[in-house]
Every structure is written in structure tokens, then in C-alpha cells.
Amino acid sequence: MVRTYVEELDSHVGHEVRLQGWLYNKRSSGRIRFLLLRDGTGIVQCVMAKGQVPEEAFAAFDRLSQESSFSVSGKVRKDDRAPGGFELDVTELELYQTAAEYPITPKEHGVEFLVDRRHLWLRSARQHSIMRVRHRIIRAIRDFFDGRGFTLIDSPILTPAACEGTTTLFETDYFDLGKAYLTQSGQLYAEAGAMAFGKVYCFGPTFRAEKSKTRRHLTEFWMVEPEVAFCDLEQDMDLAEEFLEYVVQTVLKDRAEELKTLERNMKFLQNVKKPLPRITYDEAVEILKKNGVNFEWGNDFGGTDETVISQQFDRPVMVHHYPAKIKAFYMKRDSKNPDLALAVDVLAPEGYGELIGGSQREDDHETLVKRLEEYNLPREAFEWYLDLRKYGSVPHSGFGLGLERTVAWICGLDHIRETSPFPRMIYRITP
């Protein structure tokens, strides 16, 4: 009999199938035994009646412990009262392994206990839903850019210099060539790709050695970073809001059941449709002052500041034209006010902070040389980057979206550690 998955049962009603998986839970009632089997695609209730299955299979019920692995065969029956809407009337059962006493039980466990057992915690319904939402977000990201003619350019993980701040780098020895660093961003290499292909994106792991213990930070996370030639800040913001709308609405459509399992309030997600509100940094500062926040112009926004700003809107808000001194060296300055950078951050509602950070890039060679000096960055490590401004430089822009923070926001999670299969934080590198 061909193996079937739980998510395929709707097309097998009335037919015999074979399922393989693990025991999620079990109970008995007289001569009837109920097994909840999970196989990674869903959970189905399997019903064994004494006399309808071989005696050996019926007796195996007593040996099945939580997370024991087994297979069952039987006829699929639709039942709206059952988990997933289907039941399996079992005719055969084969036990692969009786699991040892499982450490994660239906009782309440502390977070540290669960994170220590992340390799097992992933099997729970909540974590399963989060990972399926994460997977759909990733596919939506790729579908969006692939469907709009972008070319994927894989950027290196090992780099010779910092993209942004030198104090947040993971450093390693690189053979006889000196020091190398784990990348903070693939953006600089995406810029080279944009000069070759017009519009590109990179999507991969990035690393920040910030000693931050907040619920918004991981030391290893994934970023998607599109880069477009002949693109200014306004066009960059247009792309960002179109992209965010596509991702969120796709997940709402395709992962409604998972979001329901997570008890997610959909209101703010349903509102993610363009145009998104756009305000300047100056306007954002005024919002803070009106709400009693003691904020000095020229500082960057902290987590609390971002929350206060975003609370004024029913969807993500785009904040643009930041003070240049708090932004990266590669961001182009406003020609009307050189103290401002042509930069934009997209802040999520509900206190989830920055989802997207982007800018128009500096495209003038001599200006960029001066910026490297101002930021005390080694010119030799950026000679290849300066070349992009010597051979056909054009206005160009891009942004980066942090995958894990986006997962946290869409799923409504309290802490970003649940967004990664195996999170890495300053106090955790296991399992």
C-alpha cells in the first residue's frame, strides 16, 4: 500500500491508506482505542476497535508511549468532530520503536527547559505552526522577487571588512590573509549584482555580535536584501510596501490554520495593504514628544520609541530621511539637506520594531571615499566596492528584511527565539 500523508487525506476518503508517524496522544474507551498520529503534515485520529484489528496490533496500544513511532493502515472516514476533520478506521498497526519517557509533557514547562530541548520542542503543535509559517514566508519572498525578474545573487558569508559597524563583527583567522568576518549583510555584494543584472536579491544567514538580550535580537538570522539599479528612495519605498503586502497577504491566505493554532489576532495583518503611511524622521520625533517621550533629535530610535511611533498606526509605518550621522556610510545624503540620509525604516505595529531598513546608496566615487574616511573604514578592503562608482555608476537603492523578526510579527510571538529552528543568542549556542 502506497504511503499517504495526513495533509492528503481529503482526497482519499473511503479508501485504504497507510500512514507513518509518531504518537501525539492516545486514549481508550471500552473496546475502542484512539491514537493521535502526527506525521509532520498534520494530525489524524486513528480508531482501533477490538476484533477489527489483529490481536497483536490491539495489544501494541499499551506499549505506545508519547512520540513512539509506528504505522497504521485503514480506511479514511470524514468526521468534522475529529482533529483535522478525518479519522482512520485502523485494520493494521506496526510499531517501529517504543519511545523512552518523553521529557516534554502536556503540563506547563519553563521557557529555558523548552529551549534546552529545542530539538524535541519543535515537535509540538505551536512550534510546528511557527515553522510552517516561516517556510511559507520564505517561499513568498522568493516568489515575489523571482516573479518580478530579480536574479538571486548569493553573497559570501566570510568577508574582509564590516558592512556597517566594526563593533558587531564575529572575527576569525583566514589562513595567511589575516582576519575575516562573518557577514553582517550581503548588501554590498548585491550592489555589484545590481550593476550587472539591474535588479537582484540575496537571501541568506547574517551575523551580529551585539551583546543584546532583548526579545528582538538573535546573533544569527536570515536576511533578504533586494538591490535595484536606476532606483531612488521613493521607488525603493514603493517596492518595500508592495513586497510586504504580498508576503503578509500570502501567509494569511495559505497559513490560516497555523495562525489560528497560534491564536493570532489578524486585524493588523489584514491591514497590511499599500499604500503604507510614510512619515519623516522629524515627524516621528514630534510623535514621541506629543506622547511624553523625552527624545533628543539626532538620536536613533530605541525599541520603546519604535513602539510608541508604531502605535499611532493600524499597519506598518515607513519612517524616512534620518539624520545621516546615525546611518551607515554607504547611504546617500539628501541634496537639499546633507545632514539627512535618504534612508527608510519600516516599523511593524504592536511593538515588533523594525522589519525593513533601506536606503538610496551613495553613487559618487569621491563622496564615498570621503565617507570611508569619516567612518574610519579601511579603504583597501573596499576598493572593489569603490570600483562600482568608477565604471558606470547609477542611482541605486535597496533594503533588507529580517526573516526572524518578520516571523515573530506575523505569528504574534513574544520572543524571537521561537522563530528559528535552532536559535543562536549571546547566552546560547546549543542544541
Protein backbone atom coordinates (compact mmCIF):
# COMPACT_ATOMS: atom_id res chain seq x y z
CA MET A 1 0.00 0.00 0.00
CA VAL A 2 1.37 3.41 -1.01
CA ARG A 3 2.28 5.71 1.85
CA THR A 4 -0.10 8.65 2.37
CA TYR A 5 0.39 11.86 4.35
CA VAL A 6 -2.18 13.34 6.73
CA GLU A 7 -2.49 16.51 4.66
CA GLU A 8 -3.59 14.35 1.68
CA LEU A 9 -6.45 12.53 3.44
CA ASP A 10 -9.18 14.70 1.92
CA SER A 11 -8.52 13.04 -1.45
CA HIS A 12 -8.61 9.50 -0.01
CA VAL A 13 -11.98 9.42 1.78
CA GLY A 14 -13.44 5.90 1.57
CA HIS A 15 -10.14 4.37 0.52
CA GLU A 16 -7.48 2.30 2.31
CA VAL A 17 -4.25 4.15 3.09
CA ARG A 18 -1.07 3.63 5.06
CA LEU A 19 0.21 6.35 7.41
CA GLN A 20 3.58 6.56 9.17
CA GLY A 21 4.36 8.85 12.05
CA TRP A 22 4.62 9.37 15.79
CA LEU A 23 2.16 9.16 18.66
CA TYR A 24 0.92 12.59 19.70
CA ASN A 25 -1.57 11.31 22.26
CA LYS A 26 -3.84 8.35 22.99
CA ARG A 27 -6.91 7.34 24.98
CA SER A 28 -9.22 4.36 25.32
CA SER A 29 -12.94 3.83 25.82
CA GLY A 30 -14.08 0.28 26.43
CA ARG A 31 -13.25 -1.83 23.41
CA ILE A 32 -12.17 1.21 21.38
CA ARG A 33 -8.66 2.68 21.24
CA PHE A 34 -7.91 6.16 19.90
CA LEU A 35 -4.45 7.14 18.63
CA LEU A 36 -3.48 10.62 17.52
CA LEU A 37 -0.81 10.20 14.85
CA ARG A 38 1.28 13.12 13.66
CA ASP A 39 3.44 12.82 10.56
CA GLY A 40 4.77 16.35 10.11
CA THR A 41 1.97 17.42 7.76
CA GLY A 42 -0.85 17.17 10.29
CA ILE A 43 -2.54 15.12 13.00
CA VAL A 44 -5.23 12.48 12.49
CA GLN A 45 -7.22 10.35 14.92
CA CYS A 46 -6.83 6.63 14.31
CA VAL A 47 -9.57 4.38 15.73
CA MET A 48 -8.93 0.73 16.67
CA ALA A 49 -11.84 -1.50 17.59
CA LYS A 50 -11.24 -4.85 19.29
CA GLY A 51 -11.88 -7.60 16.79
CA GLN A 52 -11.34 -5.30 13.81
CA VAL A 53 -7.56 -5.49 14.01
CA PRO A 54 -5.18 -8.39 14.75
CA GLU A 55 -4.91 -9.06 18.49
CA GLU A 56 -1.19 -8.29 18.40
CA ALA A 57 -1.87 -4.85 16.93
CA PHE A 58 -4.58 -4.16 19.50
CA ALA A 59 -2.21 -5.14 22.31
CA ALA A 60 0.50 -2.83 20.92
CA PHE A 61 -1.62 0.11 22.07
CA ASP A 62 -0.40 -0.42 25.64
CA ARG A 63 3.24 -0.21 24.53
CA LEU A 64 2.77 3.03 22.60
CA SER A 65 4.16 5.94 24.58
CA GLN A 66 4.25 9.61 23.58
CA GLU A 67 6.44 10.03 20.46
CA SER A 68 6.66 6.29 19.76
CA SER A 69 6.98 5.68 16.03
CA PHE A 70 4.51 3.44 14.22
CA SER A 71 2.50 2.93 11.04
CA VAL A 72 -1.19 2.22 10.57
CA SER A 73 -3.32 1.10 7.67
CA GLY A 74 -7.05 1.56 7.34
CA LYS A 75 -9.96 3.30 5.64
CA VAL A 76 -10.26 7.10 5.67
CA ARG A 77 -13.54 8.46 7.01
CA LYS A 78 -14.64 12.10 7.08
CA ASP A 79 -15.62 13.31 10.56
CA ASP A 80 -15.92 17.02 11.26
CA ARG A 81 -15.62 16.40 15.01
CA ALA A 82 -12.17 14.79 14.67
CA PRO A 83 -8.83 16.69 14.64
CA GLY A 84 -8.26 17.73 11.04
CA GLY A 85 -11.75 16.63 10.01
CA PHE A 86 -10.89 12.97 9.24
CA GLU A 87 -10.50 9.67 11.05
CA LEU A 88 -8.79 6.44 10.10
CA ASP A 89 -10.52 3.12 10.89
CA VAL A 90 -7.44 1.01 11.60
CA THR A 91 -7.04 -2.50 10.19
CA GLU A 92 -3.27 -2.92 10.80
CA LEU A 93 -0.68 -1.38 13.12
CA GLU A 94 3.10 -1.79 13.10
CA LEU A 95 5.22 -0.46 15.99
CA TYR A 96 8.69 0.74 15.00
CA GLN A 97 10.00 1.93 18.36
CA THR A 98 8.60 2.47 21.82
CA ALA A 99 9.90 5.88 22.84
CA ALA A 100 11.59 6.46 26.18
CA GLU A 101 9.71 8.65 28.66
CA TYR A 102 9.25 11.91 26.78
CA PRO A 103 10.50 14.97 28.68
CA ILE A 104 8.00 17.44 27.21
CA THR A 105 4.54 16.62 28.55
CA PRO A 106 1.20 18.45 28.27
CA LYS A 107 1.91 20.26 31.56
CA GLU A 108 3.39 23.77 31.69
CA HIS A 109 7.17 23.95 31.21
CA GLY A 110 9.52 26.89 31.69
CA VAL A 111 10.98 28.52 28.57
CA GLU A 112 14.57 27.63 29.44
CA PHE A 113 13.57 23.99 29.91
CA LEU A 114 11.99 24.02 26.44
CA VAL A 115 14.83 25.86 24.70
CA ASP A 116 17.32 23.37 26.18
CA ARG A 117 15.25 20.71 24.43
CA ARG A 118 14.65 22.66 21.22
CA HIS A 119 15.34 19.56 19.14
CA LEU A 120 12.25 17.99 20.74
CA TRP A 121 10.20 21.16 21.29
CA LEU A 122 9.96 21.52 17.50
CA ARG A 123 7.50 18.60 17.53
CA SER A 124 4.82 20.50 19.44
CA ALA A 125 1.76 21.89 17.67
CA ARG A 126 2.70 25.51 18.38
CA GLN A 127 6.28 25.21 17.17
CA HIS A 128 5.14 23.19 14.19
CA SER A 129 2.78 26.01 13.21
CA ILE A 130 5.53 28.63 13.57
CA MET A 131 7.92 26.69 11.35
CA ARG A 132 5.25 26.19 8.68
CA VAL A 133 4.53 29.93 8.70
CA ARG A 134 8.28 30.59 8.44
CA HIS A 135 8.52 28.24 5.47
CA ARG A 136 5.61 29.99 3.72
CA ILE A 137 7.17 33.41 4.31
CA ILE A 138 10.42 32.21 2.74
CA ARG A 139 8.59 30.83 -0.29
CA ALA A 140 6.57 34.05 -0.63
CA ILE A 141 9.78 36.09 -0.54
CA ARG A 142 11.31 34.03 -3.33
CA ASP A 143 8.09 34.02 -5.35
CA PHE A 144 7.82 37.81 -5.11
CA PHE A 145 11.28 38.57 -6.42
CA ASP A 146 11.51 35.67 -8.87
CA GLY A 147 8.16 36.69 -10.33
CA ARG A 148 9.37 40.24 -10.92
CA GLY A 149 12.52 39.45 -12.84
CA PHE A 150 15.01 39.67 -9.99
CA THR A 151 18.12 37.47 -10.14
CA LEU A 152 19.29 35.71 -6.98
CA ILE A 153 22.92 36.59 -6.19
CA ASP A 154 24.39 34.58 -3.32
CA SER A 155 26.64 36.79 -1.22
CA PRO A 156 29.63 35.43 0.75
CA ILE A 157 29.37 34.69 4.45
CA LEU A 158 33.08 35.34 5.05
CA THR A 159 34.03 38.96 4.25
CA PRO A 160 37.17 41.09 4.58
CA ALA A 161 35.52 44.10 6.26
CA ALA A 162 32.47 45.43 8.05
CA CYS A 163 29.40 46.47 6.12
CA GLU A 164 28.18 48.67 8.96
CA GLY A 165 29.69 48.86 12.45
CA THR A 166 33.04 47.27 13.32
CA THR A 167 31.99 46.58 16.90
CA THR A 168 29.37 43.96 15.98
CA LEU A 169 31.51 41.55 13.96
CA PHE A 170 32.38 37.91 14.54
CA GLU A 171 36.08 37.61 13.71
CA THR A 172 38.13 34.61 12.58
CA ASP A 173 41.61 33.91 11.23
CA TYR A 174 41.63 33.38 7.47
CA PHE A 175 44.69 31.30 6.56
CA ASP A 176 47.64 33.59 5.69
CA LEU A 177 45.43 36.50 4.64
CA GLY A 178 44.76 37.86 8.13
CA LYS A 179 41.33 38.43 9.61
CA ALA A 180 37.95 37.61 8.11
CA TYR A 181 34.50 38.36 9.46
CA LEU A 182 31.09 36.72 9.39
CA THR A 183 28.88 38.91 7.25
CA GLN A 184 26.51 41.45 8.76
CA SER A 185 24.77 41.89 5.42
CA GLY A 186 25.02 40.81 1.79
CA GLN A 187 24.11 44.28 0.58
CA LEU A 188 27.46 45.46 -0.76
CA TYR A 189 27.73 42.36 -2.94
CA ALA A 190 24.10 42.80 -4.02
CA GLU A 191 25.06 46.26 -5.25
CA ALA A 192 27.68 44.67 -7.50
CA GLY A 193 25.00 42.28 -8.70
CA ALA A 194 22.61 45.15 -9.47
CA MET A 195 25.24 46.80 -11.65
CA ALA A 196 25.48 43.54 -13.60
CA PHE A 197 21.84 42.38 -13.71
CA GLY A 198 19.77 45.50 -13.00
CA LYS A 199 17.73 44.04 -10.16
CA VAL A 200 18.88 41.31 -7.81
CA TYR A 201 18.37 39.93 -4.33
CA CYS A 202 20.45 37.94 -1.88
CA PHE A 203 18.93 35.77 0.81
CA GLY A 204 20.96 34.04 3.47
CA PRO A 205 22.31 33.97 7.02
CA THR A 206 23.84 37.07 8.59
CA PHE A 207 25.54 37.61 11.94
CA ARG A 208 25.64 40.39 14.51
CA ALA A 209 27.89 40.23 17.57
CA GLU A 210 25.78 42.69 19.53
CA LYS A 211 25.63 41.82 23.22
CA SER A 212 21.89 42.26 23.23
CA LYS A 213 19.50 40.20 25.32
CA THR A 214 16.27 41.75 24.07
CA ARG A 215 13.37 39.72 22.73
CA ARG A 216 14.04 41.18 19.26
CA HIS A 217 17.64 40.05 18.72
CA LEU A 218 19.44 36.92 17.55
CA THR A 219 23.14 36.63 16.79
CA GLU A 220 22.44 34.54 13.67
CA PHE A 221 19.48 35.38 11.47
CA TRP A 222 18.38 35.40 7.82
CA MET A 223 18.03 38.50 5.68
CA VAL A 224 16.61 39.07 2.23
CA GLU A 225 18.15 42.08 0.50
CA PRO A 226 16.95 43.32 -2.90
CA GLU A 227 19.00 45.88 -4.80
CA VAL A 228 17.82 47.79 -7.88
CA ALA A 229 19.74 49.95 -10.36
CA PHE A 230 18.23 53.25 -11.54
CA CYS A 231 16.13 53.40 -8.36
CA ASP A 232 15.72 56.30 -5.93
CA LEU A 233 14.40 56.35 -2.37
CA GLU A 234 10.75 56.83 -3.39
CA GLN A 235 10.90 53.86 -5.74
CA ASP A 236 12.64 51.85 -3.04
CA MET A 237 9.77 52.57 -0.64
CA ASP A 238 7.25 51.61 -3.34
CA LEU A 239 8.98 48.25 -3.73
CA ALA A 240 9.17 47.68 0.04
CA GLU A 241 5.45 48.23 0.62
CA GLU A 242 4.45 46.09 -2.36
CA PHE A 243 6.74 43.35 -1.10
CA LEU A 244 5.43 43.49 2.47
CA GLU A 245 1.82 43.39 1.30
CA TYR A 246 2.49 40.35 -0.90
CA VAL A 247 4.22 38.37 1.85
CA VAL A 248 1.67 39.08 4.56
CA GLN A 249 -1.43 38.53 2.42
CA THR A 250 0.04 35.29 1.03
CA VAL A 251 0.64 33.93 4.53
CA LEU A 252 -2.85 34.95 5.66
CA LYS A 253 -4.30 33.03 2.71
CA ASP A 254 -2.15 29.90 2.91
CA ARG A 255 -1.44 29.51 6.64
CA ALA A 256 -4.74 30.48 8.22
CA GLU A 257 -4.96 27.23 10.20
CA GLU A 258 -1.48 27.67 11.66
CA LEU A 259 -2.23 31.27 12.65
CA LYS A 260 -5.44 30.05 14.27
CA THR A 261 -3.43 27.49 16.27
CA LEU A 262 -1.19 30.35 17.41
CA GLU A 263 -4.31 32.35 18.37
CA ARG A 264 -3.06 35.26 16.28
CA ASN A 265 -5.16 38.42 16.16
CA MET A 266 -5.38 39.04 12.41
CA LYS A 267 -6.51 42.68 12.49
CA PHE A 268 -3.13 44.36 11.97
CA LEU A 269 -2.08 41.76 9.39
CA GLN A 270 -5.23 42.20 7.32
CA ASN A 271 -4.47 45.94 7.19
CA VAL A 272 -1.09 45.41 5.51
CA LYS A 273 -2.01 46.81 2.12
CA LYS A 274 -0.42 49.62 0.17
CA PRO A 275 -0.12 52.49 0.46
CA LEU A 276 1.54 52.30 3.86
CA PRO A 277 1.76 55.54 5.87
CA ARG A 278 5.00 57.45 5.32
CA ILE A 279 6.41 59.95 7.79
CA THR A 280 9.75 61.71 8.10
CA TYR A 281 12.14 61.25 11.00
CA ASP A 282 11.19 64.77 12.12
CA GLU A 283 7.51 63.82 12.18
CA ALA A 284 8.34 60.68 14.15
CA VAL A 285 10.21 62.78 16.72
CA GLU A 286 7.15 65.01 17.08
CA ILE A 287 5.01 61.92 17.73
CA LEU A 288 7.36 60.92 20.54
CA LYS A 289 7.27 64.37 22.12
CA LYS A 290 3.46 64.51 21.93
CA ASN A 291 3.36 61.18 23.76
CA GLY A 292 5.60 62.37 26.58
CA VAL A 293 8.82 60.70 25.43
CA ASN A 294 11.97 62.68 26.26
CA PHE A 295 13.78 62.25 22.93
CA GLU A 296 16.67 64.27 21.55
CA TRP A 297 16.73 64.96 17.81
CA GLY A 298 19.65 63.18 16.17
CA ASN A 299 19.47 60.01 18.23
CA ASP A 300 18.42 56.69 16.79
CA PHE A 301 15.11 55.22 17.87
CA GLY A 302 15.19 52.57 20.56
CA GLY A 303 12.72 49.74 20.94
CA THR A 304 10.38 51.75 23.16
CA ASP A 305 10.50 54.72 20.75
CA GLU A 306 9.61 52.48 17.79
CA THR A 307 6.69 51.04 19.75
CA VAL A 308 5.27 54.49 20.57
CA ILE A 309 5.59 55.60 16.94
CA SER A 310 4.01 52.45 15.51
CA GLN A 311 1.11 52.59 17.99
CA GLN A 312 -0.22 55.61 16.12
CA PHE A 313 -0.95 53.50 13.05
CA ASP A 314 -3.04 50.43 12.21
CA ARG A 315 -0.41 48.97 9.86
CA PRO A 316 3.37 49.19 9.35
CA VAL A 317 4.68 52.74 9.03
CA MET A 318 7.61 53.92 6.88
CA VAL A 319 9.94 56.43 8.54
CA HIS A 320 12.36 58.15 6.17
CA HIS A 321 15.04 60.86 5.99
CA TYR A 322 17.04 60.02 9.11
CA PRO A 323 19.98 62.04 10.45
CA ALA A 324 22.98 60.93 8.39
CA LYS A 325 25.25 60.59 11.42
CA ILE A 326 23.28 57.62 12.78
CA LYS A 327 23.18 55.77 9.45
CA ALA A 328 25.70 53.69 7.52
CA PHE A 329 28.49 55.14 5.38
CA TYR A 330 27.01 53.94 2.09
CA MET A 331 23.72 55.85 2.40
CA LYS A 332 23.31 58.82 0.09
CA ARG A 333 22.72 62.24 1.64
CA ASP A 334 19.76 64.44 0.78
CA SER A 335 20.90 67.09 -1.72
CA LYS A 336 18.57 69.63 -0.07
CA ASN A 337 19.85 68.88 3.44
CA PRO A 338 23.19 66.99 3.65
CA ASP A 339 22.56 66.33 7.36
CA LEU A 340 19.88 63.82 6.34
CA ALA A 341 20.32 60.41 4.76
CA LEU A 342 17.99 59.07 2.08
CA ALA A 343 17.09 56.17 4.35
CA VAL A 344 13.88 54.41 5.34
CA ASP A 345 12.88 52.02 8.12
CA VAL A 346 9.59 50.15 8.15
CA LEU A 347 8.26 49.75 11.69
CA ALA A 348 5.80 46.97 12.46
CA PRO A 349 2.73 47.61 14.61
CA GLU A 350 2.19 46.00 18.02
CA GLY A 351 5.71 46.76 19.22
CA TYR A 352 7.62 44.44 16.90
CA GLY A 353 10.05 47.12 15.79
CA GLU A 354 11.97 47.49 12.55
CA LEU A 355 11.11 44.97 9.84
CA ILE A 356 12.86 46.66 6.93
CA GLY A 357 15.83 49.00 6.72
CA GLY A 358 16.80 50.51 3.38
CA SER A 359 18.21 53.47 1.56
CA GLN A 360 19.35 55.03 -1.65
CA ARG A 361 23.08 54.30 -1.94
CA GLU A 362 25.83 56.84 -2.46
CA ASP A 363 26.74 56.59 -6.16
CA ASP A 364 29.54 59.18 -6.39
CA HIS A 365 33.10 57.83 -6.15
CA GLU A 366 34.79 60.77 -4.43
CA THR A 367 31.97 61.23 -1.95
CA LEU A 368 32.12 57.56 -0.99
CA VAL A 369 35.90 57.78 -0.48
CA LYS A 370 35.28 60.62 1.98
CA ARG A 371 32.62 58.60 3.76
CA LEU A 372 35.05 55.72 4.32
CA GLU A 373 37.47 58.17 5.89
CA GLU A 374 34.75 59.71 8.08
CA TYR A 375 33.69 56.28 9.34
CA ASN A 376 37.32 55.18 9.83
CA LEU A 377 36.93 52.18 7.49
CA PRO A 378 39.93 50.66 5.67
CA ARG A 379 39.87 51.77 2.02
CA GLU A 380 41.82 48.74 0.81
CA ALA A 381 39.03 46.40 1.87
CA PHE A 382 36.52 48.46 -0.11
CA GLU A 383 38.45 49.06 -3.34
CA TRP A 384 36.22 46.62 -5.20
CA TYR A 385 33.15 48.44 -3.83
CA LEU A 386 34.57 51.79 -4.95
CA ASP A 387 35.04 50.33 -8.44
CA LEU A 388 31.25 50.18 -8.77
CA ARG A 389 31.30 54.01 -8.69
CA LYS A 390 34.04 54.24 -11.34
CA TYR A 391 32.56 52.05 -14.06
CA GLY A 392 29.05 53.15 -14.98
CA SER A 393 27.73 54.33 -11.63
CA VAL A 394 23.97 54.94 -11.46
CA PRO A 395 21.46 55.86 -8.77
CA HIS A 396 20.50 52.67 -6.98
CA SER A 397 18.65 51.60 -3.86
CA GLY A 398 17.71 48.59 -1.80
CA PHE A 399 16.62 47.32 1.57
CA GLY A 400 16.93 44.39 3.93
CA LEU A 401 14.18 42.46 5.69
CA GLY A 402 14.98 40.32 8.72
CA LEU A 403 13.22 36.99 8.35
CA GLU A 404 13.01 36.04 12.03
CA ARG A 405 11.62 39.38 13.15
CA THR A 406 9.03 39.14 10.38
CA VAL A 407 8.08 35.64 11.53
CA ALA A 408 7.73 36.90 15.10
CA TRP A 409 5.43 39.71 13.99
CA ILE A 410 3.22 37.64 11.68
CA CYS A 411 2.90 34.85 14.26
CA GLY A 412 2.41 37.27 17.17
CA LEU A 413 5.26 35.80 19.23
CA ASP A 414 6.56 37.32 22.45
CA HIS A 415 10.18 36.37 21.79
CA ILE A 416 12.20 35.96 18.61
CA ARG A 417 13.82 32.73 19.85
CA GLU A 418 10.75 30.77 18.71
CA THR A 419 11.16 31.91 15.09
CA SER A 420 14.32 29.94 14.36
CA PRO A 421 14.58 26.14 14.37
CA PHE A 422 17.74 26.42 16.47
CA PRO A 423 18.18 29.99 17.76
CA ARG A 424 21.58 31.47 18.49
CA MET A 425 21.74 34.15 21.18
CA ILE A 426 24.58 35.62 23.23
CA TYR A 427 23.91 33.12 26.00
CA ARG A 428 23.00 30.10 23.85
CA ILE A 429 24.74 28.05 21.17
CA THR A 430 23.05 24.69 21.89
CA PRO A 431 21.43 22.45 20.89
